[in-house]
Amino acid sequence: MIDNLEYNTEREHLIIPEYGRHMQKMINYAKAIESKEERNKVAKAIIAVMGNMQPHLRDVPDFQHKLWDQLFIMSNFELDVDSPFEKPTKELFEERPEPLNYPQNHPKYRFYGNNIKTMIDVANTWEDGDLKEALIYTIANHMKKCFLNWNKDTVEDDVIYDHLFELSGGKINLKNSDEDLSDASSLMRSKNKFSGNKKGGHHHKKGSNKRKRY
């Protein structure tokens, strides 16, 4: 009896282990059927069983499409049956995805964050006018606030204008602007107000713990 024991290391590799070894054997059996008509019947039965194993996904769009794709994948793309969907190919399955574009980092001005660069790039695409001007000054004020959060002191508007000019590739130039950015104290006021509320809320919560609960 011991001689008939079968170790997992000696068994056939499971392409999608979640479905188990019996499902893989059913697919291998379908592959060996000579009649295509019979193969189609068995394939539909296998799809039904696969669907019953994942009832929580029945209402998910393209659920049946996913099941048929998994059927062909587990058959190593060797199962010749009629599918209601386009059959996936082994080449498509093994194709490597395109590398993701990581956000641009600017270590020199890391305190501004990557979103600022994205906003500047968007502003560069807008046509000149009041809306673009409003967006640019909004960006500049946000840059000033980010700078103050990092520096915790003060900063001249000319410094922000220089950084904005550099990050925009020279397309946004406020160096000769007559308009001032928001005052440093007003930009930091909301932060201090929030910190005060948070602190006060903490004491209130601590005091509420002393109440007798019924």
Protein backbone atom coordinates (compact mmCIF):
# COMPACT_ATOMS: atom_id res chain seq x y z
CA MET A 1 0.00 0.00 0.00
CA ILE A 2 2.86 2.36 0.82
CA ASP A 3 4.28 1.73 -2.63
CA ASN A 4 1.15 3.33 -4.15
CA LEU A 5 1.53 6.61 -2.26
CA GLU A 6 1.86 9.60 -4.52
CA TYR A 7 3.76 12.68 -3.42
CA ASN A 8 2.82 16.15 -4.64
CA THR A 9 6.35 16.63 -5.93
CA GLU A 10 5.78 13.68 -8.27
CA ARG A 11 2.38 14.84 -9.47
CA GLU A 12 1.56 16.95 -12.50
CA HIS A 13 2.07 20.68 -12.05
CA LEU A 14 -1.19 22.55 -11.42
CA ILE A 15 -1.41 25.61 -13.65
CA ILE A 16 -4.16 27.23 -11.55
CA PRO A 17 -3.95 25.50 -8.15
CA GLU A 18 -7.15 27.14 -6.85
CA TYR A 19 -9.26 24.73 -8.88
CA GLY A 20 -7.54 21.64 -7.51
CA ARG A 21 -6.12 18.48 -9.06
CA HIS A 22 -9.47 16.89 -9.94
CA MET A 23 -10.37 19.83 -12.18
CA GLN A 24 -7.02 19.52 -13.94
CA LYS A 25 -7.70 15.81 -14.53
CA MET A 26 -11.12 16.62 -15.99
CA ILE A 27 -9.51 19.05 -18.45
CA ASN A 28 -6.85 16.50 -19.39
CA TYR A 29 -9.65 13.99 -20.00
CA ALA A 30 -11.45 16.48 -22.27
CA LYS A 31 -8.28 17.00 -24.28
CA ALA A 32 -8.07 13.28 -24.97
CA ILE A 33 -11.62 12.95 -26.34
CA GLU A 34 -11.55 12.34 -30.09
CA SER A 35 -15.03 13.65 -30.93
CA LYS A 36 -15.17 17.44 -31.00
CA GLU A 37 -18.89 17.36 -30.29
CA GLU A 38 -18.23 15.37 -27.14
CA ARG A 39 -15.34 17.66 -26.20
CA ASN A 40 -17.66 20.67 -26.43
CA LYS A 41 -20.18 18.99 -24.08
CA VAL A 42 -17.48 18.13 -21.55
CA ALA A 43 -15.98 21.63 -21.78
CA LYS A 44 -19.36 23.23 -20.99
CA ALA A 45 -19.77 20.85 -18.04
CA ILE A 46 -16.32 21.83 -16.76
CA ILE A 47 -17.19 25.52 -17.09
CA ALA A 48 -20.35 24.92 -15.04
CA VAL A 49 -18.34 23.23 -12.29
CA MET A 50 -15.76 26.04 -12.30
CA GLY A 51 -18.57 28.58 -11.96
CA ASN A 52 -20.08 26.70 -9.03
CA MET A 53 -16.73 26.85 -7.27
CA GLN A 54 -16.84 30.67 -7.36
CA PRO A 55 -20.50 31.64 -6.79
CA HIS A 56 -19.50 35.05 -5.40
CA LEU A 57 -18.28 36.04 -8.87
CA ARG A 58 -21.38 35.10 -10.84
CA ASP A 59 -22.61 38.70 -11.02
CA VAL A 60 -19.22 40.08 -12.02
CA PRO A 61 -19.13 41.33 -15.64
CA ASP A 62 -17.28 39.02 -18.06
CA PHE A 63 -17.25 36.24 -15.46
CA GLN A 64 -17.98 33.58 -18.11
CA HIS A 65 -15.27 35.02 -20.33
CA LYS A 66 -12.80 34.69 -17.47
CA LEU A 67 -13.80 31.05 -16.90
CA TRP A 68 -13.27 30.13 -20.56
CA ASP A 69 -9.89 31.85 -20.55
CA GLN A 70 -8.89 29.88 -17.46
CA LEU A 71 -10.08 26.66 -19.09
CA PHE A 72 -7.76 27.19 -22.07
CA ILE A 73 -4.91 28.23 -19.80
CA MET A 74 -5.23 25.07 -17.68
CA SER A 75 -5.30 22.98 -20.85
CA ASN A 76 -2.01 24.58 -21.87
CA PHE A 77 -3.96 26.01 -24.84
CA GLU A 78 -4.29 22.49 -26.27
CA LEU A 79 -8.04 22.01 -25.81
CA ASP A 80 -9.81 22.17 -29.18
CA VAL A 81 -13.37 23.26 -28.39
CA ASP A 82 -15.78 25.95 -29.54
CA SER A 83 -15.75 28.92 -27.18
CA PRO A 84 -18.37 31.71 -27.07
CA PHE A 85 -15.46 34.11 -26.68
CA GLU A 86 -12.25 34.75 -28.55
CA LYS A 87 -9.70 32.11 -27.60
CA PRO A 88 -6.58 33.39 -25.83
CA THR A 89 -3.21 32.45 -27.25
CA LYS A 90 -0.17 31.21 -25.41
CA GLU A 91 1.89 34.04 -26.90
CA LEU A 92 -0.54 36.64 -25.55
CA PHE A 93 -0.60 34.98 -22.14
CA GLU A 94 3.21 34.93 -21.91
CA GLU A 95 3.62 38.45 -23.25
CA ARG A 96 5.24 40.75 -20.75
CA PRO A 97 3.37 43.95 -19.85
CA GLU A 98 4.81 47.30 -20.78
CA PRO A 99 6.92 48.84 -18.00
CA LEU A 100 5.09 51.40 -15.89
CA ASN A 101 6.15 55.01 -16.03
CA TYR A 102 7.16 56.00 -12.54
CA PRO A 103 6.46 59.55 -11.35
CA GLN A 104 9.20 62.02 -12.08
CA ASN A 105 11.24 62.79 -9.02
CA HIS A 106 12.96 66.09 -8.44
CA PRO A 107 15.28 65.55 -5.45
CA LYS A 108 16.29 69.20 -5.64
CA TYR A 109 12.71 70.27 -4.83
CA ARG A 110 11.39 67.14 -3.17
CA PHE A 111 9.31 69.15 -0.71
CA TYR A 112 6.91 70.20 -3.51
CA GLY A 113 5.89 66.61 -4.29
CA ASN A 114 5.18 65.00 -7.65
CA ASN A 115 1.63 66.39 -7.91
CA ILE A 116 2.98 69.91 -8.31
CA LYS A 117 4.91 68.88 -11.41
CA THR A 118 1.75 67.26 -12.81
CA MET A 119 -0.24 70.46 -12.20
CA ILE A 120 2.46 72.53 -13.88
CA ASP A 121 2.46 70.24 -16.91
CA VAL A 122 -1.33 70.62 -17.16
CA ALA A 123 -1.07 74.41 -16.92
CA ASN A 124 1.43 74.41 -19.78
CA THR A 125 -1.21 72.83 -22.03
CA TRP A 126 -3.86 75.48 -21.36
CA GLU A 127 -4.42 78.45 -23.61
CA ASP A 128 -3.43 81.85 -22.25
CA GLY A 129 -6.23 83.60 -20.44
CA ASP A 130 -7.77 84.31 -17.04
CA LEU A 131 -8.32 80.64 -16.21
CA LYS A 132 -4.70 79.72 -16.92
CA GLU A 133 -3.48 82.71 -14.92
CA ALA A 134 -5.68 81.72 -11.98
CA LEU A 135 -4.36 78.15 -12.14
CA ILE A 136 -0.75 79.33 -12.24
CA TYR A 137 -1.16 81.52 -9.15
CA THR A 138 -2.97 78.70 -7.37
CA ILE A 139 0.00 76.43 -8.12
CA ALA A 140 2.45 79.10 -6.98
CA ASN A 141 0.58 79.60 -3.68
CA HIS A 142 0.50 75.87 -3.11
CA MET A 143 4.24 75.69 -3.81
CA LYS A 144 4.78 78.42 -1.24
CA LYS A 145 2.74 76.50 1.33
CA CYS A 146 4.71 73.31 0.62
CA PHE A 147 7.95 75.24 1.00
CA LEU A 148 6.83 76.67 4.35
CA ASN A 149 5.75 73.23 5.58
CA TRP A 150 9.25 72.00 4.83
CA ASN A 151 11.21 75.09 5.84
CA LYS A 152 8.95 76.22 8.75
CA ASP A 153 10.15 79.81 8.36
CA THR A 154 9.53 82.22 5.51
CA VAL A 155 10.20 82.42 1.80
CA GLU A 156 10.29 85.26 -0.70
CA ASP A 157 7.93 85.10 -3.66
CA ASP A 158 10.90 85.45 -6.02
CA VAL A 159 12.19 82.06 -4.82
CA ILE A 160 8.87 80.41 -5.66
CA TYR A 161 8.81 82.14 -9.06
CA ASP A 162 12.32 80.86 -9.82
CA HIS A 163 11.37 77.30 -8.91
CA LEU A 164 8.16 77.52 -10.93
CA PHE A 165 10.09 78.82 -13.92
CA GLU A 166 12.54 75.92 -13.66
CA LEU A 167 9.92 73.18 -13.12
CA SER A 168 7.84 74.45 -16.04
CA GLY A 169 10.81 74.30 -18.38
CA GLY A 170 10.81 78.09 -18.68
CA LYS A 171 7.20 78.22 -19.92
CA ILE A 172 5.76 79.88 -16.81
CA ASN A 173 7.47 83.11 -15.87
CA LEU A 174 6.14 85.19 -12.98
CA LYS A 175 9.46 86.84 -12.19
CA ASN A 176 8.23 90.24 -13.37
CA SER A 177 4.78 89.86 -11.86
CA ASP A 178 3.32 92.75 -9.86
CA GLU A 179 0.98 90.43 -7.96
CA ASP A 180 2.08 89.03 -4.61
CA LEU A 181 1.42 85.54 -3.41
CA SER A 182 -0.55 84.85 -0.24
CA ASP A 183 1.10 85.90 2.99
CA ALA A 184 3.02 83.17 4.79
CA SER A 185 0.98 83.59 7.97
CA SER A 186 -2.32 83.12 6.12
CA LEU A 187 -1.03 80.00 4.37
CA MET A 188 0.02 78.44 7.67
CA ARG A 189 -2.99 79.63 9.67
CA SER A 190 -5.22 76.75 8.58
CA LYS A 191 -2.57 74.25 9.59
CA ASN A 192 -2.18 75.78 13.07
CA LYS A 193 -5.95 75.97 13.48
CA PHE A 194 -6.30 72.32 12.59
CA SER A 195 -3.53 71.36 14.99
CA GLY A 196 -5.25 73.29 17.80
CA ASN A 197 -8.59 71.60 17.17
CA LYS A 198 -6.93 68.22 17.12
CA LYS A 199 -5.25 68.91 20.43
CA GLY A 200 -8.46 70.16 22.00
CA GLY A 201 -10.36 67.18 20.65
CA HIS A 202 -7.83 64.90 22.25
CA HIS A 203 -8.46 66.39 25.73
CA HIS A 204 -12.20 66.18 25.21
CA LYS A 205 -11.92 62.54 24.30
CA LYS A 206 -9.75 61.85 27.31
CA GLY A 207 -12.23 63.51 29.63
CA SER A 208 -15.15 61.63 28.10
CA ASN A 209 -13.55 58.35 29.12
CA LYS A 210 -14.20 59.23 32.74
CA ARG A 211 -17.96 59.24 32.24
CA LYS A 212 -19.82 56.41 33.81
CA ARG A 213 -21.31 54.07 31.23
CA TYR A 214 -24.62 52.30 31.82
